[in-house]
C-alpha atoms as a PDB file:
ATOM      1  CA  MET A   1       0.000   0.000   0.000  1.00  0.00           C
ATOM      2  CA  SER A   2       1.388   3.425  -1.002  1.00  0.00           C
ATOM      3  CA  ARG A   3       0.337   7.024  -0.556  1.00  0.00           C
ATOM      4  CA  TYR A   4       0.276   8.866  -3.890  1.00  0.00           C
ATOM      5  CA  CYS A   5       0.475  12.570  -4.713  1.00  0.00           C
ATOM      6  CA  PHE A   6      -0.055  13.876  -8.242  1.00  0.00           C
ATOM      7  CA  TYR A   7       1.550  17.081  -9.557  1.00  0.00           C
ATOM      8  CA  ILE A   8       0.096  18.276 -12.865  1.00  0.00           C
ATOM      9  CA  ASP A   9       1.821  20.782 -15.135  1.00  0.00           C
ATOM     10  CA  GLY A  10      -1.434  22.147 -16.560  1.00  0.00           C
ATOM     11  CA  PHE A  11      -0.102  23.955 -19.616  1.00  0.00           C
ATOM     12  CA  ASN A  12       2.245  21.108 -20.509  1.00  0.00           C
ATOM     13  CA  VAL A  13      -0.744  18.776 -20.744  1.00  0.00           C
ATOM     14  CA  TYR A  14      -2.996  21.394 -22.375  1.00  0.00           C
ATOM     15  CA  TYR A  15      -0.574  22.151 -25.218  1.00  0.00           C
ATOM     16  CA  ALA A  16       0.034  18.451 -25.818  1.00  0.00           C
ATOM     17  CA  LEU A  17      -3.724  18.069 -26.385  1.00  0.00           C
ATOM     18  CA  GLU A  18      -4.036  21.368 -28.250  1.00  0.00           C
ATOM     19  CA  GLY A  19      -1.151  20.487 -30.568  1.00  0.00           C
ATOM     20  CA  ASN A  20      -2.883  17.458 -32.065  1.00  0.00           C
ATOM     21  CA  PRO A  21      -6.409  17.894 -33.514  1.00  0.00           C
ATOM     22  CA  ALA A  22      -7.211  14.297 -32.601  1.00  0.00           C
ATOM     23  CA  TYR A  23      -6.767  15.085 -28.909  1.00  0.00           C
ATOM     24  CA  HIS A  24      -8.727  18.373 -28.573  1.00  0.00           C
ATOM     25  CA  LYS A  25     -11.745  16.484 -27.296  1.00  0.00           C
ATOM     26  CA  TYR A  26      -9.807  15.267 -24.242  1.00  0.00           C
ATOM     27  CA  LYS A  27      -9.204  18.677 -22.629  1.00  0.00           C
ATOM     28  CA  TRP A  28     -12.162  18.155 -20.250  1.00  0.00           C
ATOM     29  CA  LEU A  29      -9.911  15.821 -18.304  1.00  0.00           C
ATOM     30  CA  ASN A  30     -10.854  14.579 -14.845  1.00  0.00           C
ATOM     31  CA  TYR A  31      -7.558  14.319 -12.984  1.00  0.00           C
ATOM     32  CA  ARG A  32      -9.276  12.630 -10.044  1.00  0.00           C
ATOM     33  CA  LYS A  33     -10.256   9.729 -12.304  1.00  0.00           C
ATOM     34  CA  LEU A  34      -6.813   9.696 -13.844  1.00  0.00           C
ATOM     35  CA  ALA A  35      -5.197   9.528 -10.402  1.00  0.00           C
ATOM     36  CA  GLU A  36      -7.492   6.703  -9.371  1.00  0.00           C
ATOM     37  CA  SER A  37      -6.603   4.810 -12.545  1.00  0.00           C
ATOM     38  CA  VAL A  38      -2.883   5.051 -11.705  1.00  0.00           C
ATOM     39  CA  ALA A  39      -3.062   4.273  -7.985  1.00  0.00           C
ATOM     40  CA  GLY A  40      -3.683   0.681  -7.023  1.00  0.00           C
ATOM     41  CA  ALA A  41      -6.822  -0.506  -5.265  1.00  0.00           C
ATOM     42  CA  LYS A  42      -4.994  -0.591  -1.907  1.00  0.00           C
ATOM     43  CA  ASP A  43      -3.193   2.731  -2.451  1.00  0.00           C
ATOM     44  CA  THR A  44      -4.272   6.088  -1.022  1.00  0.00           C
ATOM     45  CA  ILE A  45      -4.357   9.397  -2.916  1.00  0.00           C
ATOM     46  CA  THR A  46      -3.189  12.098  -0.515  1.00  0.00           C
ATOM     47  CA  GLY A  47      -3.139  15.016  -2.957  1.00  0.00           C
ATOM     48  CA  ILE A  48      -3.825  16.071  -6.547  1.00  0.00           C
ATOM     49  CA  PHE A  49      -2.316  19.439  -7.458  1.00  0.00           C
ATOM     50  CA  TYR A  50      -2.984  21.291 -10.723  1.00  0.00           C
ATOM     51  CA  PHE A  51      -0.449  24.018 -11.535  1.00  0.00           C
ATOM     52  CA  THR A  52      -1.579  26.628 -14.028  1.00  0.00           C
ATOM     53  CA  THR A  53      -1.674  30.321 -14.970  1.00  0.00           C
ATOM     54  CA  MET A  54      -4.506  32.490 -16.303  1.00  0.00           C
ATOM     55  CA  VAL A  55      -4.028  33.913 -19.803  1.00  0.00           C
ATOM     56  CA  ARG A  56      -5.612  37.260 -18.866  1.00  0.00           C
ATOM     57  CA  TRP A  57      -5.248  38.847 -22.321  1.00  0.00           C
ATOM     58  CA  HIS A  58      -7.625  36.225 -23.823  1.00  0.00           C
ATOM     59  CA  PRO A  59     -10.951  36.765 -21.975  1.00  0.00           C
ATOM     60  CA  ASP A  60     -12.744  33.852 -23.667  1.00  0.00           C
ATOM     61  CA  GLY A  61      -9.897  31.536 -22.760  1.00  0.00           C
ATOM     62  CA  VAL A  62     -10.008  32.744 -19.163  1.00  0.00           C
ATOM     63  CA  LYS A  63     -13.724  31.932 -18.943  1.00  0.00           C
ATOM     64  CA  ARG A  64     -13.131  28.390 -20.228  1.00  0.00           C
ATOM     65  CA  HIS A  65     -10.202  27.979 -17.879  1.00  0.00           C
ATOM     66  CA  GLU A  66     -12.222  29.173 -14.872  1.00  0.00           C
ATOM     67  CA  ARG A  67     -15.011  26.722 -15.711  1.00  0.00           C
ATOM     68  CA  TYR A  68     -12.506  23.908 -15.909  1.00  0.00           C
ATOM     69  CA  ILE A  69     -10.889  24.831 -12.589  1.00  0.00           C
ATOM     70  CA  LYS A  70     -14.314  24.822 -10.927  1.00  0.00           C
ATOM     71  CA  VAL A  71     -15.018  21.260 -12.025  1.00  0.00           C
ATOM     72  CA  LEU A  72     -11.532  20.154 -10.976  1.00  0.00           C
ATOM     73  CA  ARG A  73     -12.050  21.656  -7.529  1.00  0.00           C
ATOM     74  CA  SER A  74     -15.397  19.881  -7.263  1.00  0.00           C
ATOM     75  CA  VAL A  75     -13.551  16.539  -7.291  1.00  0.00           C
ATOM     76  CA  GLY A  76     -10.857  17.623  -4.844  1.00  0.00           C
ATOM     77  CA  VAL A  77      -8.118  18.813  -7.193  1.00  0.00           C
ATOM     78  CA  GLU A  78      -6.209  21.740  -5.665  1.00  0.00           C
ATOM     79  CA  THR A  79      -5.183  24.553  -8.028  1.00  0.00           C
ATOM     80  CA  ILE A  80      -1.896  26.414  -7.595  1.00  0.00           C
ATOM     81  CA  HIS A  81      -1.437  29.517  -9.744  1.00  0.00           C
ATOM     82  CA  GLY A  82       1.662  31.007 -11.309  1.00  0.00           C
ATOM     83  CA  ARG A  83       1.726  34.144 -13.419  1.00  0.00           C
ATOM     84  CA  PHE A  84       2.721  35.493 -16.816  1.00  0.00           C
ATOM     85  CA  LEU A  85       5.468  38.088 -17.217  1.00  0.00           C
ATOM     86  CA  GLU A  86       5.261  40.498 -20.136  1.00  0.00           C
ATOM     87  CA  LYS A  87       8.574  40.867 -21.930  1.00  0.00           C
ATOM     88  CA  THR A  88       9.895  42.636 -25.036  1.00  0.00           C
ATOM     89  CA  ILE A  89      11.960  40.618 -27.486  1.00  0.00           C
ATOM     90  CA  LYS A  90      13.635  41.386 -30.807  1.00  0.00           C
ATOM     91  CA  CYS A  91      12.923  39.494 -33.999  1.00  0.00           C
ATOM     92  CA  HIS A  92      16.250  38.452 -35.545  1.00  0.00           C
ATOM     93  CA  LYS A  93      14.732  38.403 -39.035  1.00  0.00           C
ATOM     94  CA  CYS A  94      12.955  41.771 -39.180  1.00  0.00           C
ATOM     95  CA  GLN A  95      14.850  43.472 -36.338  1.00  0.00           C
ATOM     96  CA  GLN A  96      11.565  44.721 -34.877  1.00  0.00           C
ATOM     97  CA  TYR A  97      10.676  44.578 -31.205  1.00  0.00           C
ATOM     98  CA  PHE A  98       7.414  43.074 -29.978  1.00  0.00           C
ATOM     99  CA  LYS A  99       5.812  42.092 -26.693  1.00  0.00           C
ATOM    100  CA  THR A 100       5.198  38.536 -25.622  1.00  0.00           C
ATOM    101  CA  HIS A 101       4.366  36.703 -22.408  1.00  0.00           C
ATOM    102  CA  GLU A 102       6.392  34.137 -20.512  1.00  0.00           C
ATOM    103  CA  GLU A 103       4.917  31.786 -17.948  1.00  0.00           C
ATOM    104  CA  LYS A 104       6.658  32.201 -14.618  1.00  0.00           C
ATOM    105  CA  GLN A 105       6.690  30.375 -11.287  1.00  0.00           C
ATOM    106  CA  THR A 106       5.021  27.127 -12.392  1.00  0.00           C
ATOM    107  CA  ASP A 107       8.202  25.023 -12.384  1.00  0.00           C
ATOM    108  CA  VAL A 108       9.260  26.555  -9.074  1.00  0.00           C
ATOM    109  CA  ASN A 109       5.796  26.015  -7.577  1.00  0.00           C
ATOM    110  CA  ILE A 110       5.829  22.354  -8.613  1.00  0.00           C
ATOM    111  CA  ALA A 111       9.344  21.828  -7.275  1.00  0.00           C
ATOM    112  CA  LEU A 112       8.654  23.509  -3.940  1.00  0.00           C
ATOM    113  CA  LYS A 113       5.437  21.559  -3.461  1.00  0.00           C
ATOM    114  CA  ILE A 114       7.020  18.184  -4.252  1.00  0.00           C
ATOM    115  CA  VAL A 115      10.032  18.744  -2.007  1.00  0.00           C
ATOM    116  CA  GLY A 116       7.891  20.245   0.763  1.00  0.00           C
ATOM    117  CA  ASP A 117       5.473  17.328   0.671  1.00  0.00           C
ATOM    118  CA  ALA A 118       8.387  14.883   0.812  1.00  0.00           C
ATOM    119  CA  ILE A 119       9.755  16.639   3.903  1.00  0.00           C
ATOM    120  CA  ASP A 120       6.280  16.655   5.481  1.00  0.00           C
ATOM    121  CA  ASN A 121       5.873  12.935   4.669  1.00  0.00           C
ATOM    122  CA  VAL A 122       2.687  13.499   2.659  1.00  0.00           C
ATOM    123  CA  TYR A 123       3.388  10.776   0.094  1.00  0.00           C
ATOM    124  CA  ASP A 124       5.336   7.600  -0.614  1.00  0.00           C
ATOM    125  CA  LYS A 125       5.116   8.089  -4.387  1.00  0.00           C
ATOM    126  CA  ALA A 126       4.940  11.389  -6.265  1.00  0.00           C
ATOM    127  CA  LEU A 127       3.823  11.363  -9.909  1.00  0.00           C
ATOM    128  CA  ILE A 128       4.744  14.395 -12.019  1.00  0.00           C
ATOM    129  CA  ILE A 129       2.516  14.804 -15.089  1.00  0.00           C
ATOM    130  CA  SER A 130       4.757  16.809 -17.405  1.00  0.00           C
ATOM    131  CA  ALA A 131       7.491  16.447 -20.021  1.00  0.00           C
ATOM    132  CA  ASP A 132       9.305  19.605 -18.911  1.00  0.00           C
ATOM    133  CA  SER A 133      12.963  18.692 -18.359  1.00  0.00           C
ATOM    134  CA  ASP A 134      13.315  21.756 -16.094  1.00  0.00           C
ATOM    135  CA  LEU A 135      11.730  19.542 -13.438  1.00  0.00           C
ATOM    136  CA  LEU A 136      14.709  17.183 -13.431  1.00  0.00           C
ATOM    137  CA  PRO A 137      16.373  18.941 -10.431  1.00  0.00           C
ATOM    138  CA  VAL A 138      13.352  18.281  -8.208  1.00  0.00           C
ATOM    139  CA  ILE A 139      13.485  14.553  -8.972  1.00  0.00           C
ATOM    140  CA  LYS A 140      17.171  14.495  -8.099  1.00  0.00           C
ATOM    141  CA  SER A 141      16.555  16.563  -4.964  1.00  0.00           C
ATOM    142  CA  VAL A 142      13.929  14.150  -3.639  1.00  0.00           C
ATOM    143  CA  GLN A 143      16.142  11.178  -4.497  1.00  0.00           C
ATOM    144  CA  HIS A 144      18.991  12.769  -2.544  1.00  0.00           C
ATOM    145  CA  HIS A 145      17.165  14.199   0.461  1.00  0.00           C
ATOM    146  CA  ALA A 146      14.331  11.683   0.786  1.00  0.00           C
ATOM    147  CA  PRO A 147      15.568   8.459  -0.851  1.00  0.00           C
ATOM    148  CA  GLU A 148      12.710   6.502   0.678  1.00  0.00           C
ATOM    149  CA  LYS A 149      10.290   8.447  -1.561  1.00  0.00           C
ATOM    150  CA  GLU A 150       9.670   7.446  -5.187  1.00  0.00           C
ATOM    151  CA  THR A 151       9.274  10.128  -7.849  1.00  0.00           C
ATOM    152  CA  GLY A 152       7.747   9.125 -11.170  1.00  0.00           C
ATOM    153  CA  VAL A 153       6.618  10.760 -14.390  1.00  0.00           C
ATOM    154  CA  MET A 154       3.682  10.560 -16.742  1.00  0.00           C
ATOM    155  CA  PHE A 155       4.377  12.322 -20.028  1.00  0.00           C
ATOM    156  CA  PRO A 156       1.464  14.149 -21.693  1.00  0.00           C
ATOM    157  CA  ILE A 157       0.383  12.185 -24.748  1.00  0.00           C
ATOM    158  CA  GLY A 158       2.744  12.713 -27.684  1.00  0.00           C
ATOM    159  CA  ARG A 159       5.497  14.234 -25.530  1.00  0.00           C
ATOM    160  CA  THR A 160       8.589  12.865 -23.819  1.00  0.00           C
ATOM    161  CA  SER A 161      11.779  13.929 -22.062  1.00  0.00           C
ATOM    162  CA  PHE A 162      14.924  11.825 -22.167  1.00  0.00           C
ATOM    163  CA  GLU A 163      16.260  13.412 -18.968  1.00  0.00           C
ATOM    164  CA  LEU A 164      13.090  12.768 -16.972  1.00  0.00           C
ATOM    165  CA  ARG A 165      12.732   9.264 -18.422  1.00  0.00           C
ATOM    166  CA  GLN A 166      16.276   8.338 -17.405  1.00  0.00           C
ATOM    167  CA  ASN A 167      16.046   9.715 -13.869  1.00  0.00           C
ATOM    168  CA  ALA A 168      12.476   9.011 -12.751  1.00  0.00           C
ATOM    169  CA  GLY A 169      11.927   6.170 -10.328  1.00  0.00           C
ATOM    170  CA  PHE A 170       8.903   4.930 -12.283  1.00  0.00           C
ATOM    171  CA  ARG A 171       6.819   5.869 -15.334  1.00  0.00           C
ATOM    172  CA  ARG A 172       3.140   5.720 -16.209  1.00  0.00           C
ATOM    173  CA  LYS A 173       1.704   6.077 -19.714  1.00  0.00           C
ATOM    174  CA  MET A 174      -0.905   8.641 -20.771  1.00  0.00           C
ATOM    175  CA  SER A 175      -2.653   6.725 -23.545  1.00  0.00           C
ATOM    176  CA  GLU A 176      -5.616   7.850 -25.611  1.00  0.00           C
ATOM    177  CA  GLN A 177      -7.651   5.090 -23.979  1.00  0.00           C
ATOM    178  CA  LEU A 178      -6.815   6.557 -20.552  1.00  0.00           C
ATOM    179  CA  LEU A 179      -7.784  10.082 -21.672  1.00  0.00           C
ATOM    180  CA  LEU A 180     -11.103   8.815 -23.020  1.00  0.00           C
ATOM    181  CA  ALA A 181     -11.879   6.960 -19.792  1.00  0.00           C
ATOM    182  CA  CYS A 182     -11.042   9.965 -17.601  1.00  0.00           C
ATOM    183  CA  GLN A 183     -13.305  12.663 -19.060  1.00  0.00           C
ATOM    184  CA  PHE A 184     -15.814  14.674 -17.052  1.00  0.00           C
ATOM    185  CA  PRO A 185     -19.432  14.396 -18.218  1.00  0.00           C
ATOM    186  CA  ASP A 186     -20.427  17.116 -20.697  1.00  0.00           C
ATOM    187  CA  ALA A 187     -22.464  18.720 -17.892  1.00  0.00           C
ATOM    188  CA  VAL A 188     -21.205  18.762 -14.311  1.00  0.00           C
ATOM    189  CA  LYS A 189     -23.584  19.740 -11.488  1.00  0.00           C
ATOM    190  CA  ILE A 190     -21.913  21.674  -8.672  1.00  0.00           C
ATOM    191  CA  GLY A 191     -24.338  22.781  -5.995  1.00  0.00           C
ATOM    192  CA  ASP A 192     -27.140  24.637  -7.793  1.00  0.00           C
ATOM    193  CA  SER A 193     -24.990  25.282 -10.884  1.00  0.00           C
ATOM    194  CA  ILE A 194     -24.342  23.224 -13.977  1.00  0.00           C
ATOM    195  CA  ILE A 195     -20.997  23.710 -15.723  1.00  0.00           C
ATOM    196  CA  THR A 196     -20.781  22.435 -19.279  1.00  0.00           C
ATOM    197  CA  ARG A 197     -17.861  21.379 -21.412  1.00  0.00           C
ATOM    198  CA  PRO A 198     -16.756  24.272 -23.682  1.00  0.00           C
ATOM    199  CA  GLU A 199     -18.042  23.834 -27.226  1.00  0.00           C
ATOM    200  CA  ASN A 200     -14.571  23.860 -28.774  1.00  0.00           C
ATOM    201  CA  TRP A 201     -13.457  21.168 -26.318  1.00  0.00           C
ATOM    202  CA  ARG A 202     -15.960  18.666 -27.717  1.00  0.00           C
END
């Protein structure tokens, strides 16, 4: 019997699904179901943490994102927010400057949470759902400071990381069959409200 915690890099999963038209319909993903499908029948899930950032300059996207976060919270998934930093960069081809946005804090938030939960003895096994190789140091840190803890990875469908694959204590596969089995219903009732799957997520 093991205690599991799940740490989800929200944008890493989102862009894996967004990047392949065949996977758009799986964005309404129930991470509670996914966690339960990974943990064994005798295992305990002690935390599911969804790390994300609001894209404030796209109001329609924010509304969809807020709806999704509400349904995640309804099944006990905790949301931890980062932020976007506006920055000016220069195009090497046209030599013009333009503004863009860079996601900040998510990697740090994930790392701090995983290490902190290891120190606080919250889990026996931590599963990172991401293919971001920037998370390699946290795996090595847990292995060094809490060798009794296991840190594994689940790569978003269609993505991989050689560094994470080589260093993780265990791996789980995000298959299309798993995504299909772990969808929320099209309409989710929360209290007196009904939250529906966004039309372009169908």
